[in-house]
Amino acid sequence: EEYLYDLTEDFSADHSVEFIRLYRHGSDWKIQALGIGHREGLEGLVQKFM
């Protein structure tokens, strides 16, 4: 399948953007659209999941 994300929000003050979340639900894989801007940059975003 193909997914399209509409960038209507202004993320100019953010250093990284979390567009989707890929996660496991039981034996299935799910994709959730997010569009959450983060000011701490990519390193801070990665630390969120460590």
PDB file of N, CA and C in Angstrom:
ATOM      1  N   GLU A   1       0.832  -1.183   0.000  1.00  0.00           N
ATOM      2  CA  GLU A   1       0.000   0.000   0.000  1.00  0.00           C
ATOM      3  C   GLU A   1       0.872   1.240   0.000  1.00  0.00           C
ATOM      4  N   GLU A   2       0.296   2.320  -0.457  1.00  0.00           N
ATOM      5  CA  GLU A   2       0.999   3.595  -0.516  1.00  0.00           C
ATOM      6  C   GLU A   2       0.315   4.583   0.426  1.00  0.00           C
ATOM      7  N   TYR A   3       1.129   5.384   1.117  1.00  0.00           N
ATOM      8  CA  TYR A   3       0.587   6.360   2.057  1.00  0.00           C
ATOM      9  C   TYR A   3       1.036   7.755   1.665  1.00  0.00           C
ATOM     10  N   LEU A   4       0.177   8.728   1.881  1.00  0.00           N
ATOM     11  CA  LEU A   4       0.470  10.118   1.571  1.00  0.00           C
ATOM     12  C   LEU A   4       0.224  10.942   2.827  1.00  0.00           C
ATOM     13  N   TYR A   5       1.177  11.815   3.171  1.00  0.00           N
ATOM     14  CA  TYR A   5       1.033  12.657   4.355  1.00  0.00           C
ATOM     15  C   TYR A   5       0.953  14.109   3.910  1.00  0.00           C
ATOM     16  N   ASP A   6      -0.117  14.786   4.256  1.00  0.00           N
ATOM     17  CA  ASP A   6      -0.336  16.182   3.884  1.00  0.00           C
ATOM     18  C   ASP A   6       0.331  17.094   4.918  1.00  0.00           C
ATOM     19  N   LEU A   7       1.329  17.857   4.490  1.00  0.00           N
ATOM     20  CA  LEU A   7       2.068  18.737   5.394  1.00  0.00           C
ATOM     21  C   LEU A   7       1.422  20.120   5.464  1.00  0.00           C
ATOM     22  N   THR A   8       0.230  20.192   6.025  1.00  0.00           N
ATOM     23  CA  THR A   8      -0.448  21.477   6.140  1.00  0.00           C
ATOM     24  C   THR A   8       0.000  22.250   7.375  1.00  0.00           C
ATOM     25  N   GLU A   9       0.553  21.558   8.371  1.00  0.00           N
ATOM     26  CA  GLU A   9       1.034  22.239   9.572  1.00  0.00           C
ATOM     27  C   GLU A   9       2.383  22.882   9.315  1.00  0.00           C
ATOM     28  N   ASP A  10       2.664  23.941  10.050  1.00  0.00           N
ATOM     29  CA  ASP A  10       3.943  24.633   9.945  1.00  0.00           C
ATOM     30  C   ASP A  10       4.886  24.097  11.019  1.00  0.00           C
ATOM     31  N   PHE A  11       5.906  23.367  10.597  1.00  0.00           N
ATOM     32  CA  PHE A  11       6.885  22.803  11.522  1.00  0.00           C
ATOM     33  C   PHE A  11       8.181  23.613  11.517  1.00  0.00           C
ATOM     34  N   SER A  12       8.120  24.890  11.149  1.00  0.00           N
ATOM     35  CA  SER A  12       9.337  25.693  11.001  1.00  0.00           C
ATOM     36  C   SER A  12      10.081  25.898  12.323  1.00  0.00           C
ATOM     37  N   ALA A  13       9.405  25.812  13.456  1.00  0.00           N
ATOM     38  CA  ALA A  13      10.066  25.978  14.758  1.00  0.00           C
ATOM     39  C   ALA A  13      10.618  24.664  15.296  1.00  0.00           C
ATOM     40  N   ASP A  14      10.329  23.561  14.619  1.00  0.00           N
ATOM     41  CA  ASP A  14      10.756  22.241  15.082  1.00  0.00           C
ATOM     42  C   ASP A  14      11.996  21.772  14.336  1.00  0.00           C
ATOM     43  N   HIS A  15      12.767  20.918  15.005  1.00  0.00           N
ATOM     44  CA  HIS A  15      13.986  20.383  14.403  1.00  0.00           C
ATOM     45  C   HIS A  15      13.802  18.965  13.872  1.00  0.00           C
ATOM     46  N   SER A  16      12.747  18.299  14.296  1.00  0.00           N
ATOM     47  CA  SER A  16      12.426  16.976  13.770  1.00  0.00           C
ATOM     48  C   SER A  16      10.911  16.803  13.824  1.00  0.00           C
ATOM     49  N   VAL A  17      10.399  15.920  12.971  1.00  0.00           N
ATOM     50  CA  VAL A  17       8.960  15.672  12.907  1.00  0.00           C
ATOM     51  C   VAL A  17       8.731  14.169  12.916  1.00  0.00           C
ATOM     52  N   GLU A  18       7.859  13.743  13.792  1.00  0.00           N
ATOM     53  CA  GLU A  18       7.467  12.338  13.880  1.00  0.00           C
ATOM     54  C   GLU A  18       6.208  12.183  13.022  1.00  0.00           C
ATOM     55  N   PHE A  19       6.378  11.635  11.817  1.00  0.00           N
ATOM     56  CA  PHE A  19       5.263  11.532  10.877  1.00  0.00           C
ATOM     57  C   PHE A  19       4.357  10.345  11.161  1.00  0.00           C
ATOM     58  N   ILE A  20       4.965   9.195  11.410  1.00  0.00           N
ATOM     59  CA  ILE A  20       4.169   7.989  11.644  1.00  0.00           C
ATOM     60  C   ILE A  20       4.734   7.221  12.824  1.00  0.00           C
ATOM     61  N   ARG A  21       3.922   6.353  13.354  1.00  0.00           N
ATOM     62  CA  ARG A  21       4.369   5.408  14.368  1.00  0.00           C
ATOM     63  C   ARG A  21       4.038   4.014  13.842  1.00  0.00           C
ATOM     64  N   LEU A  22       5.032   3.182  13.769  1.00  0.00           N
ATOM     65  CA  LEU A  22       4.878   1.792  13.345  1.00  0.00           C
ATOM     66  C   LEU A  22       4.975   0.935  14.596  1.00  0.00           C
ATOM     67  N   TYR A  23       3.943   0.141  14.859  1.00  0.00           N
ATOM     68  CA  TYR A  23       3.948  -0.642  16.090  1.00  0.00           C
ATOM     69  C   TYR A  23       3.273  -1.991  15.879  1.00  0.00           C
ATOM     70  N   ARG A  24       3.549  -2.875  16.799  1.00  0.00           N
ATOM     71  CA  ARG A  24       3.015  -4.225  16.755  1.00  0.00           C
ATOM     72  C   ARG A  24       1.779  -4.298  17.655  1.00  0.00           C
ATOM     73  N   HIS A  25       0.700  -4.867  17.143  1.00  0.00           N
ATOM     74  CA  HIS A  25      -0.532  -5.066  17.904  1.00  0.00           C
ATOM     75  C   HIS A  25      -0.913  -6.533  17.746  1.00  0.00           C
ATOM     76  N   GLY A  26      -0.616  -7.325  18.774  1.00  0.00           N
ATOM     77  CA  GLY A  26      -0.806  -8.772  18.655  1.00  0.00           C
ATOM     78  C   GLY A  26       0.161  -9.319  17.625  1.00  0.00           C
ATOM     79  N   SER A  27      -0.350  -9.989  16.607  1.00  0.00           N
ATOM     80  CA  SER A  27       0.514 -10.511  15.541  1.00  0.00           C
ATOM     81  C   SER A  27       0.518  -9.601  14.311  1.00  0.00           C
ATOM     82  N   ASP A  28      -0.173  -8.468  14.389  1.00  0.00           N
ATOM     83  CA  ASP A  28      -0.267  -7.532  13.261  1.00  0.00           C
ATOM     84  C   ASP A  28       0.645  -6.328  13.457  1.00  0.00           C
ATOM     85  N   TRP A  29       1.028  -5.707  12.342  1.00  0.00           N
ATOM     86  CA  TRP A  29       1.753  -4.438  12.367  1.00  0.00           C
ATOM     87  C   TRP A  29       0.764  -3.338  12.039  1.00  0.00           C
ATOM     88  N   LYS A  30       0.821  -2.237  12.777  1.00  0.00           N
ATOM     89  CA  LYS A  30      -0.083  -1.105  12.581  1.00  0.00           C
ATOM     90  C   LYS A  30       0.730   0.145  12.266  1.00  0.00           C
ATOM     91  N   ILE A  31       0.130   1.064  11.528  1.00  0.00           N
ATOM     92  CA  ILE A  31       0.737   2.355  11.227  1.00  0.00           C
ATOM     93  C   ILE A  31      -0.238   3.430  11.690  1.00  0.00           C
ATOM     94  N   GLN A  32       0.281   4.387  12.465  1.00  0.00           N
ATOM     95  CA  GLN A  32      -0.531   5.492  12.971  1.00  0.00           C
ATOM     96  C   GLN A  32       0.064   6.808  12.488  1.00  0.00           C
ATOM     97  N   ALA A  33      -0.739   7.639  11.838  1.00  0.00           N
ATOM     98  CA  ALA A  33      -0.281   8.962  11.403  1.00  0.00           C
ATOM     99  C   ALA A  33      -0.218   9.878  12.619  1.00  0.00           C
ATOM    100  N   LEU A  34       0.894  10.630  12.767  1.00  0.00           N
ATOM    101  CA  LEU A  34       1.070  11.480  13.940  1.00  0.00           C
ATOM    102  C   LEU A  34       1.203  12.958  13.596  1.00  0.00           C
ATOM    103  N   GLY A  35       2.275  13.332  12.912  1.00  0.00           N
ATOM    104  CA  GLY A  35       2.529  14.738  12.615  1.00  0.00           C
ATOM    105  C   GLY A  35       2.851  15.544  13.849  1.00  0.00           C
ATOM    106  N   ILE A  36       3.780  15.052  14.671  1.00  0.00           N
ATOM    107  CA  ILE A  36       4.173  15.727  15.907  1.00  0.00           C
ATOM    108  C   ILE A  36       5.552  16.344  15.719  1.00  0.00           C
ATOM    109  N   GLY A  37       5.656  17.648  15.900  1.00  0.00           N
ATOM    110  CA  GLY A  37       6.934  18.336  15.795  1.00  0.00           C
ATOM    111  C   GLY A  37       7.691  18.289  17.111  1.00  0.00           C
ATOM    112  N   HIS A  38       9.023  18.181  17.026  1.00  0.00           N
ATOM    113  CA  HIS A  38       9.876  18.126  18.215  1.00  0.00           C
ATOM    114  C   HIS A  38      10.978  19.164  18.084  1.00  0.00           C
ATOM    115  N   ARG A  39      11.171  19.945  19.103  1.00  0.00           N
ATOM    116  CA  ARG A  39      12.190  20.993  19.079  1.00  0.00           C
ATOM    117  C   ARG A  39      13.561  20.496  19.499  1.00  0.00           C
ATOM    118  N   GLU A  40      13.646  19.327  20.119  1.00  0.00           N
ATOM    119  CA  GLU A  40      14.932  18.838  20.611  1.00  0.00           C
ATOM    120  C   GLU A  40      15.776  18.182  19.525  1.00  0.00           C
ATOM    121  N   GLY A  41      15.283  18.073  18.324  1.00  0.00           N
ATOM    122  CA  GLY A  41      16.047  17.500  17.221  1.00  0.00           C
ATOM    123  C   GLY A  41      15.969  15.988  17.177  1.00  0.00           C
ATOM    124  N   LEU A  42      16.665  15.422  16.213  1.00  0.00           N
ATOM    125  CA  LEU A  42      16.618  13.977  15.996  1.00  0.00           C
ATOM    126  C   LEU A  42      17.170  13.208  17.187  1.00  0.00           C
ATOM    127  N   GLU A  43      18.255  13.687  17.782  1.00  0.00           N
ATOM    128  CA  GLU A  43      18.840  12.990  18.933  1.00  0.00           C
ATOM    129  C   GLU A  43      17.842  12.917  20.091  1.00  0.00           C
ATOM    130  N   GLY A  44      17.147  14.004  20.357  1.00  0.00           N
ATOM    131  CA  GLY A  44      16.141  14.014  21.411  1.00  0.00           C
ATOM    132  C   GLY A  44      14.975  13.106  21.101  1.00  0.00           C
ATOM    133  N   LEU A  45      14.593  13.054  19.848  1.00  0.00           N
ATOM    134  CA  LEU A  45      13.504  12.174  19.433  1.00  0.00           C
ATOM    135  C   LEU A  45      13.900  10.715  19.618  1.00  0.00           C
ATOM    136  N   VAL A  46      15.109  10.366  19.245  1.00  0.00           N
ATOM    137  CA  VAL A  46      15.598   8.993  19.418  1.00  0.00           C
ATOM    138  C   VAL A  46      15.654   8.635  20.901  1.00  0.00           C
ATOM    139  N   GLN A  47      16.108   9.552  21.747  1.00  0.00           N
ATOM    140  CA  GLN A  47      16.194   9.303  23.192  1.00  0.00           C
ATOM    141  C   GLN A  47      14.819   9.013  23.795  1.00  0.00           C
ATOM    142  N   LYS A  48      13.789   9.538  23.195  1.00  0.00           N
ATOM    143  CA  LYS A  48      12.420   9.294  23.661  1.00  0.00           C
ATOM    144  C   LYS A  48      12.078   7.803  23.625  1.00  0.00           C
ATOM    145  N   PHE A  49      12.702   7.064  22.720  1.00  0.00           N
ATOM    146  CA  PHE A  49      12.401   5.646  22.537  1.00  0.00           C
ATOM    147  C   PHE A  49      13.462   4.727  23.124  1.00  0.00           C
ATOM    148  N   MET A  50      14.451   5.270  23.796  1.00  0.00           N
ATOM    149  CA  MET A  50      15.529   4.459  24.389  1.00  0.00           C
ATOM    150  C   MET A  50      15.208   4.112  25.821  1.00  0.00           C
TER     151      MET A  50
END
